[in-house]
PDB file of all heavy atoms in Angstrom:
ATOM      1  N   ALA A   1      -2.799  -0.856   7.429  1.00  0.00           N
ATOM      2  CA  ALA A   1      -3.114  -1.260   8.787  1.00  0.00           C
ATOM      3  C   ALA A   1      -4.472  -0.741   9.202  1.00  0.00           C
ATOM      4  O   ALA A   1      -4.980   0.247   8.705  1.00  0.00           O
ATOM      5  CB  ALA A   1      -2.021  -0.733   9.729  1.00  0.00           C
ATOM      6  N   THR A   2      -5.060  -1.357  10.203  1.00  0.00           N
ATOM      7  CA  THR A   2      -6.380  -0.944  10.667  1.00  0.00           C
ATOM      8  C   THR A   2      -6.305   0.193  11.659  1.00  0.00           C
ATOM      9  O   THR A   2      -7.306   0.763  12.035  1.00  0.00           O
ATOM     10  CB  THR A   2      -7.097  -2.130  11.334  1.00  0.00           C
ATOM     11  OG1 THR A   2      -6.254  -2.611  12.402  1.00  0.00           O
ATOM     12  CG2 THR A   2      -7.338  -3.240  10.336  1.00  0.00           C
ATOM     13  N   GLY A   3      -5.155   0.584  12.061  1.00  0.00           N
ATOM     14  CA  GLY A   3      -5.011   1.703  12.989  1.00  0.00           C
ATOM     15  C   GLY A   3      -3.575   2.062  13.134  1.00  0.00           C
ATOM     16  O   GLY A   3      -2.690   1.336  12.732  1.00  0.00           O
ATOM     17  N   ASN A   4      -3.341   3.222  13.736  1.00  0.00           N
ATOM     18  CA  ASN A   4      -1.963   3.669  13.916  1.00  0.00           C
ATOM     19  C   ASN A   4      -1.437   3.097  15.220  1.00  0.00           C
ATOM     20  O   ASN A   4      -1.633   3.648  16.282  1.00  0.00           O
ATOM     21  CB  ASN A   4      -1.901   5.198  13.905  1.00  0.00           C
ATOM     22  CG  ASN A   4      -0.465   5.686  13.967  1.00  0.00           C
ATOM     23  OD1 ASN A   4       0.466   4.887  13.946  1.00  0.00           O
ATOM     24  ND2 ASN A   4      -0.308   6.992  14.033  1.00  0.00           N
ATOM     25  N   THR A   5      -0.771   1.951  15.132  1.00  0.00           N
ATOM     26  CA  THR A   5      -0.259   1.277  16.321  1.00  0.00           C
ATOM     27  C   THR A   5       1.187   1.664  16.601  1.00  0.00           C
ATOM     28  O   THR A   5       1.862   1.022  17.374  1.00  0.00           O
ATOM     29  CB  THR A   5      -0.354  -0.254  16.132  1.00  0.00           C
ATOM     30  OG1 THR A   5       0.408  -0.623  14.963  1.00  0.00           O
ATOM     31  CG2 THR A   5      -1.804  -0.675  15.933  1.00  0.00           C
ATOM     32  N   SER A   6       1.653   2.732  15.913  1.00  0.00           N
ATOM     33  CA  SER A   6       3.039   3.153  16.055  1.00  0.00           C
ATOM     34  C   SER A   6       3.300   3.716  17.442  1.00  0.00           C
ATOM     35  O   SER A   6       2.440   4.311  18.073  1.00  0.00           O
ATOM     36  CB  SER A   6       3.364   4.213  14.998  1.00  0.00           C
ATOM     37  OG  SER A   6       4.634   4.754  15.243  1.00  0.00           O
ATOM     38  N   SER A   7       4.522   3.506  17.928  1.00  0.00           N
ATOM     39  CA  SER A   7       4.933   4.086  19.202  1.00  0.00           C
ATOM     40  C   SER A   7       5.680   5.398  18.990  1.00  0.00           C
ATOM     41  O   SER A   7       6.195   5.982  19.936  1.00  0.00           O
ATOM     42  CB  SER A   7       5.840   3.090  19.949  1.00  0.00           C
ATOM     43  OG  SER A   7       6.990   2.792  19.170  1.00  0.00           O
ATOM     44  N   VAL A   8       5.748   5.878  17.736  1.00  0.00           N
ATOM     45  CA  VAL A   8       6.438   7.121  17.429  1.00  0.00           C
ATOM     46  C   VAL A   8       5.676   8.293  18.040  1.00  0.00           C
ATOM     47  O   VAL A   8       4.477   8.459  17.814  1.00  0.00           O
ATOM     48  CB  VAL A   8       6.561   7.318  15.902  1.00  0.00           C
ATOM     49  CG1 VAL A   8       7.105   8.701  15.569  1.00  0.00           C
ATOM     50  CG2 VAL A   8       7.460   6.250  15.301  1.00  0.00           C
ATOM     51  N   THR A   9       6.370   9.088  18.851  1.00  0.00           N
ATOM     52  CA  THR A   9       5.747  10.254  19.487  1.00  0.00           C
ATOM     53  C   THR A   9       6.249  11.565  18.903  1.00  0.00           C
ATOM     54  O   THR A   9       5.649  12.607  19.133  1.00  0.00           O
ATOM     55  CB  THR A   9       6.021  10.248  21.000  1.00  0.00           C
ATOM     56  OG1 THR A   9       7.439  10.246  21.219  1.00  0.00           O
ATOM     57  CG2 THR A   9       5.401   9.027  21.658  1.00  0.00           C
ATOM     58  N   GLU A  10       7.353  11.502  18.163  1.00  0.00           N
ATOM     59  CA  GLU A  10       7.876  12.694  17.513  1.00  0.00           C
ATOM     60  C   GLU A  10       8.653  12.312  16.260  1.00  0.00           C
ATOM     61  O   GLU A  10       9.058  11.153  16.090  1.00  0.00           O
ATOM     62  CB  GLU A  10       8.768  13.501  18.464  1.00  0.00           C
ATOM     63  CG  GLU A  10      10.077  12.830  18.804  1.00  0.00           C
ATOM     64  CD  GLU A  10      10.997  13.709  19.643  1.00  0.00           C
ATOM     65  OE1 GLU A  10      10.527  14.715  20.199  1.00  0.00           O
ATOM     66  OE2 GLU A  10      12.197  13.381  19.731  1.00  0.00           O
ATOM     67  N   PHE A  11       8.823  13.295  15.389  1.00  0.00           N
ATOM     68  CA  PHE A  11       9.587  13.090  14.173  1.00  0.00           C
ATOM     69  C   PHE A  11      10.769  14.059  14.144  1.00  0.00           C
ATOM     70  O   PHE A  11      10.730  15.133  14.757  1.00  0.00           O
ATOM     71  CB  PHE A  11       8.716  13.333  12.936  1.00  0.00           C
ATOM     72  CG  PHE A  11       7.583  12.357  12.790  1.00  0.00           C
ATOM     73  CD1 PHE A  11       6.300  12.708  13.190  1.00  0.00           C
ATOM     74  CD2 PHE A  11       7.784  11.102  12.243  1.00  0.00           C
ATOM     75  CE1 PHE A  11       5.245  11.824  13.053  1.00  0.00           C
ATOM     76  CE2 PHE A  11       6.736  10.206  12.098  1.00  0.00           C
ATOM     77  CZ  PHE A  11       5.469  10.561  12.513  1.00  0.00           C
ATOM     78  N   ILE A  12      11.800  13.658  13.423  1.00  0.00           N
ATOM     79  CA  ILE A  12      12.935  14.542  13.171  1.00  0.00           C
ATOM     80  C   ILE A  12      12.869  14.966  11.714  1.00  0.00           C
ATOM     81  O   ILE A  12      12.836  14.123  10.811  1.00  0.00           O
ATOM     82  CB  ILE A  12      14.274  13.822  13.442  1.00  0.00           C
ATOM     83  CG1 ILE A  12      14.347  13.339  14.889  1.00  0.00           C
ATOM     84  CG2 ILE A  12      15.446  14.755  13.136  1.00  0.00           C
ATOM     85  CD1 ILE A  12      15.558  12.459  15.169  1.00  0.00           C
ATOM     86  N   LEU A  13      12.819  16.280  11.478  1.00  0.00           N
ATOM     87  CA  LEU A  13      12.759  16.795  10.125  1.00  0.00           C
ATOM     88  C   LEU A  13      14.179  16.998   9.595  1.00  0.00           C
ATOM     89  O   LEU A  13      14.978  17.718  10.200  1.00  0.00           O
ATOM     90  CB  LEU A  13      11.988  18.116  10.094  1.00  0.00           C
ATOM     91  CG  LEU A  13      10.522  18.045  10.565  1.00  0.00           C
ATOM     92  CD1 LEU A  13       9.899  19.430  10.566  1.00  0.00           C
ATOM     93  CD2 LEU A  13       9.715  17.093   9.688  1.00  0.00           C
ATOM     94  N   ALA A  14      14.489  16.361   8.461  1.00  0.00           N
ATOM     95  CA  ALA A  14      15.846  16.436   7.906  1.00  0.00           C
ATOM     96  C   ALA A  14      16.193  17.833   7.410  1.00  0.00           C
ATOM     97  O   ALA A  14      17.355  18.226   7.398  1.00  0.00           O
ATOM     98  CB  ALA A  14      15.996  15.426   6.769  1.00  0.00           C
ATOM     99  N   GLY A  15      15.186  18.611   7.013  1.00  0.00           N
ATOM    100  CA  GLY A  15      15.429  19.961   6.531  1.00  0.00           C
ATOM    101  C   GLY A  15      15.802  19.994   5.059  1.00  0.00           C
ATOM    102  O   GLY A  15      15.800  18.976   4.359  1.00  0.00           O
ATOM    103  N   LEU A  16      16.128  21.176   4.576  1.00  0.00           N
ATOM    104  CA  LEU A  16      16.470  21.344   3.168  1.00  0.00           C
ATOM    105  C   LEU A  16      17.833  20.757   2.824  1.00  0.00           C
ATOM    106  O   LEU A  16      18.028  20.177   1.762  1.00  0.00           O
ATOM    107  CB  LEU A  16      16.462  22.832   2.798  1.00  0.00           C
ATOM    108  CG  LEU A  16      15.097  23.455   2.477  1.00  0.00           C
ATOM    109  CD1 LEU A  16      15.235  24.955   2.305  1.00  0.00           C
ATOM    110  CD2 LEU A  16      14.504  22.832   1.232  1.00  0.00           C
ATOM    111  N   THR A  17      18.803  20.935   3.708  1.00  0.00           N
ATOM    112  CA  THR A  17      20.158  20.477   3.436  1.00  0.00           C
ATOM    113  C   THR A  17      20.856  20.111   4.734  1.00  0.00           C
ATOM    114  O   THR A  17      20.516  20.636   5.802  1.00  0.00           O
ATOM    115  CB  THR A  17      20.966  21.560   2.698  1.00  0.00           C
ATOM    116  OG1 THR A  17      22.299  21.100   2.481  1.00  0.00           O
ATOM    117  CG2 THR A  17      21.019  22.856   3.503  1.00  0.00           C
ATOM    118  N   ASP A  18      21.829  19.207   4.631  1.00  0.00           N
ATOM    119  CA  ASP A  18      22.608  18.827   5.810  1.00  0.00           C
ATOM    120  C   ASP A  18      23.999  19.469   5.793  1.00  0.00           C
ATOM    121  O   ASP A  18      24.854  19.116   6.591  1.00  0.00           O
ATOM    122  CB  ASP A  18      22.735  17.295   5.899  1.00  0.00           C
ATOM    123  CG  ASP A  18      23.369  16.706   4.636  1.00  0.00           C
ATOM    124  OD1 ASP A  18      23.677  17.474   3.705  1.00  0.00           O
ATOM    125  OD2 ASP A  18      23.531  15.475   4.593  1.00  0.00           O
ATOM    126  N   GLN A  19      24.221  20.423   4.906  1.00  0.00           N
ATOM    127  CA  GLN A  19      25.510  21.093   4.830  1.00  0.00           C
ATOM    128  C   GLN A  19      25.515  22.318   5.752  1.00  0.00           C
ATOM    129  O   GLN A  19      24.766  23.279   5.507  1.00  0.00           O
ATOM    130  CB  GLN A  19      25.814  21.524   3.393  1.00  0.00           C
ATOM    131  CG  GLN A  19      25.999  20.346   2.438  1.00  0.00           C
ATOM    132  CD  GLN A  19      26.518  20.781   1.082  1.00  0.00           C
ATOM    133  OE1 GLN A  19      27.039  21.881   0.938  1.00  0.00           O
ATOM    134  NE2 GLN A  19      26.384  19.910   0.098  1.00  0.00           N
ATOM    135  N   PRO A  20      26.324  22.315   6.800  1.00  0.00           N
ATOM    136  CA  PRO A  20      26.340  23.417   7.784  1.00  0.00           C
ATOM    137  C   PRO A  20      26.606  24.778   7.157  1.00  0.00           C
ATOM    138  O   PRO A  20      26.032  25.789   7.598  1.00  0.00           O
ATOM    139  CB  PRO A  20      27.472  23.020   8.741  1.00  0.00           C
ATOM    140  CG  PRO A  20      27.588  21.535   8.593  1.00  0.00           C
ATOM    141  CD  PRO A  20      27.264  21.241   7.170  1.00  0.00           C
ATOM    142  N   ALA A  21      27.433  24.834   6.136  1.00  0.00           N
ATOM    143  CA  ALA A  21      27.794  26.120   5.526  1.00  0.00           C
ATOM    144  C   ALA A  21      26.610  26.805   4.847  1.00  0.00           C
ATOM    145  O   ALA A  21      26.626  28.024   4.642  1.00  0.00           O
ATOM    146  CB  ALA A  21      28.922  25.912   4.514  1.00  0.00           C
ATOM    147  N   LEU A  22      25.572  26.012   4.504  1.00  0.00           N
ATOM    148  CA  LEU A  22      24.414  26.573   3.814  1.00  0.00           C
ATOM    149  C   LEU A  22      23.282  26.964   4.759  1.00  0.00           C
ATOM    150  O   LEU A  22      22.326  27.625   4.336  1.00  0.00           O
ATOM    151  CB  LEU A  22      23.880  25.566   2.795  1.00  0.00           C
ATOM    152  CG  LEU A  22      24.799  25.238   1.616  1.00  0.00           C
ATOM    153  CD1 LEU A  22      24.175  24.142   0.756  1.00  0.00           C
ATOM    154  CD2 LEU A  22      25.069  26.472   0.776  1.00  0.00           C
ATOM    155  N   GLN A  23      23.368  26.563   6.025  1.00  0.00           N
ATOM    156  CA  GLN A  23      22.259  26.768   6.958  1.00  0.00           C
ATOM    157  C   GLN A  23      21.913  28.250   7.136  1.00  0.00           C
ATOM    158  O   GLN A  23      20.751  28.651   6.973  1.00  0.00           O
ATOM    159  CB  GLN A  23      22.580  26.133   8.316  1.00  0.00           C
ATOM    160  CG  GLN A  23      22.789  24.628   8.290  1.00  0.00           C
ATOM    161  CD  GLN A  23      21.526  23.849   7.962  1.00  0.00           C
ATOM    162  OE1 GLN A  23      20.423  24.361   8.061  1.00  0.00           O
ATOM    163  NE2 GLN A  23      21.687  22.601   7.560  1.00  0.00           N
ATOM    164  N   MET A  24      22.891  29.086   7.476  1.00  0.00           N
ATOM    165  CA  MET A  24      22.611  30.499   7.736  1.00  0.00           C
ATOM    166  C   MET A  24      22.245  31.269   6.467  1.00  0.00           C
ATOM    167  O   MET A  24      21.298  32.077   6.490  1.00  0.00           O
ATOM    168  CB  MET A  24      23.798  31.155   8.445  1.00  0.00           C
ATOM    169  CG  MET A  24      24.003  30.655   9.871  1.00  0.00           C
ATOM    170  SD  MET A  24      22.463  30.624  10.858  1.00  0.00           S
ATOM    171  CE  MET A  24      22.037  32.360  10.909  1.00  0.00           C
ATOM    172  N   PRO A  25      22.942  31.053   5.334  1.00  0.00           N
ATOM    173  CA  PRO A  25      22.496  31.728   4.104  1.00  0.00           C
ATOM    174  C   PRO A  25      21.055  31.386   3.734  1.00  0.00           C
ATOM    175  O   PRO A  25      20.278  32.269   3.350  1.00  0.00           O
ATOM    176  CB  PRO A  25      23.485  31.218   3.047  1.00  0.00           C
ATOM    177  CG  PRO A  25      24.717  30.901   3.809  1.00  0.00           C
ATOM    178  CD  PRO A  25      24.231  30.356   5.127  1.00  0.00           C
ATOM    179  N   LEU A  26      20.695  30.095   3.877  1.00  0.00           N
ATOM    180  CA  LEU A  26      19.319  29.703   3.583  1.00  0.00           C
ATOM    181  C   LEU A  26      18.344  30.292   4.596  1.00  0.00           C
ATOM    182  O   LEU A  26      17.221  30.670   4.237  1.00  0.00           O
ATOM    183  CB  LEU A  26      19.198  28.171   3.564  1.00  0.00           C
ATOM    184  CG  LEU A  26      19.800  27.461   2.349  1.00  0.00           C
ATOM    185  CD1 LEU A  26      19.765  25.959   2.533  1.00  0.00           C
ATOM    186  CD2 LEU A  26      19.057  27.857   1.072  1.00  0.00           C
ATOM    187  N   PHE A  27      18.754  30.385   5.853  1.00  0.00           N
ATOM    188  CA  PHE A  27      17.894  30.984   6.877  1.00  0.00           C
ATOM    189  C   PHE A  27      17.535  32.415   6.494  1.00  0.00           C
ATOM    190  O   PHE A  27      16.360  32.804   6.507  1.00  0.00           O
ATOM    191  CB  PHE A  27      18.601  30.955   8.238  1.00  0.00           C
ATOM    192  CG  PHE A  27      17.874  31.735   9.307  1.00  0.00           C
ATOM    193  CD1 PHE A  27      16.802  31.167   9.980  1.00  0.00           C
ATOM    194  CD2 PHE A  27      18.251  33.037   9.618  1.00  0.00           C
ATOM    195  CE1 PHE A  27      16.116  31.890  10.960  1.00  0.00           C
ATOM    196  CE2 PHE A  27      17.574  33.754  10.591  1.00  0.00           C
ATOM    197  CZ  PHE A  27      16.509  33.182  11.260  1.00  0.00           C
ATOM    198  N   PHE A  28      18.524  33.223   6.148  1.00  0.00           N
ATOM    199  CA  PHE A  28      18.264  34.623   5.815  1.00  0.00           C
ATOM    200  C   PHE A  28      17.510  34.756   4.490  1.00  0.00           C
ATOM    201  O   PHE A  28      16.682  35.660   4.330  1.00  0.00           O
ATOM    202  CB  PHE A  28      19.575  35.407   5.769  1.00  0.00           C
ATOM    203  CG  PHE A  28      20.151  35.676   7.132  1.00  0.00           C
ATOM    204  CD1 PHE A  28      21.320  35.046   7.547  1.00  0.00           C
ATOM    205  CD2 PHE A  28      19.513  36.539   8.007  1.00  0.00           C
ATOM    206  CE1 PHE A  28      21.843  35.278   8.818  1.00  0.00           C
ATOM    207  CE2 PHE A  28      20.033  36.790   9.274  1.00  0.00           C
ATOM    208  CZ  PHE A  28      21.197  36.163   9.683  1.00  0.00           C
ATOM    209  N   LEU A  29      17.774  33.843   3.549  1.00  0.00           N
ATOM    210  CA  LEU A  29      17.052  33.867   2.276  1.00  0.00           C
ATOM    211  C   LEU A  29      15.565  33.635   2.492  1.00  0.00           C
ATOM    212  O   LEU A  29      14.723  34.423   2.019  1.00  0.00           O
ATOM    213  CB  LEU A  29      17.623  32.806   1.337  1.00  0.00           C
ATOM    214  CG  LEU A  29      16.881  32.630  -0.001  1.00  0.00           C
ATOM    215  CD1 LEU A  29      16.984  33.875  -0.856  1.00  0.00           C
ATOM    216  CD2 LEU A  29      17.413  31.404  -0.752  1.00  0.00           C
TER     217      LEU A  29
END
């Protein structure tokens, strides 16, 4: 494209994993 005509104002980062049980162990690691 010739320019960024997107209306996106923010992004959502999926992160390393979507498994809740791994969130805190990975945080401390």
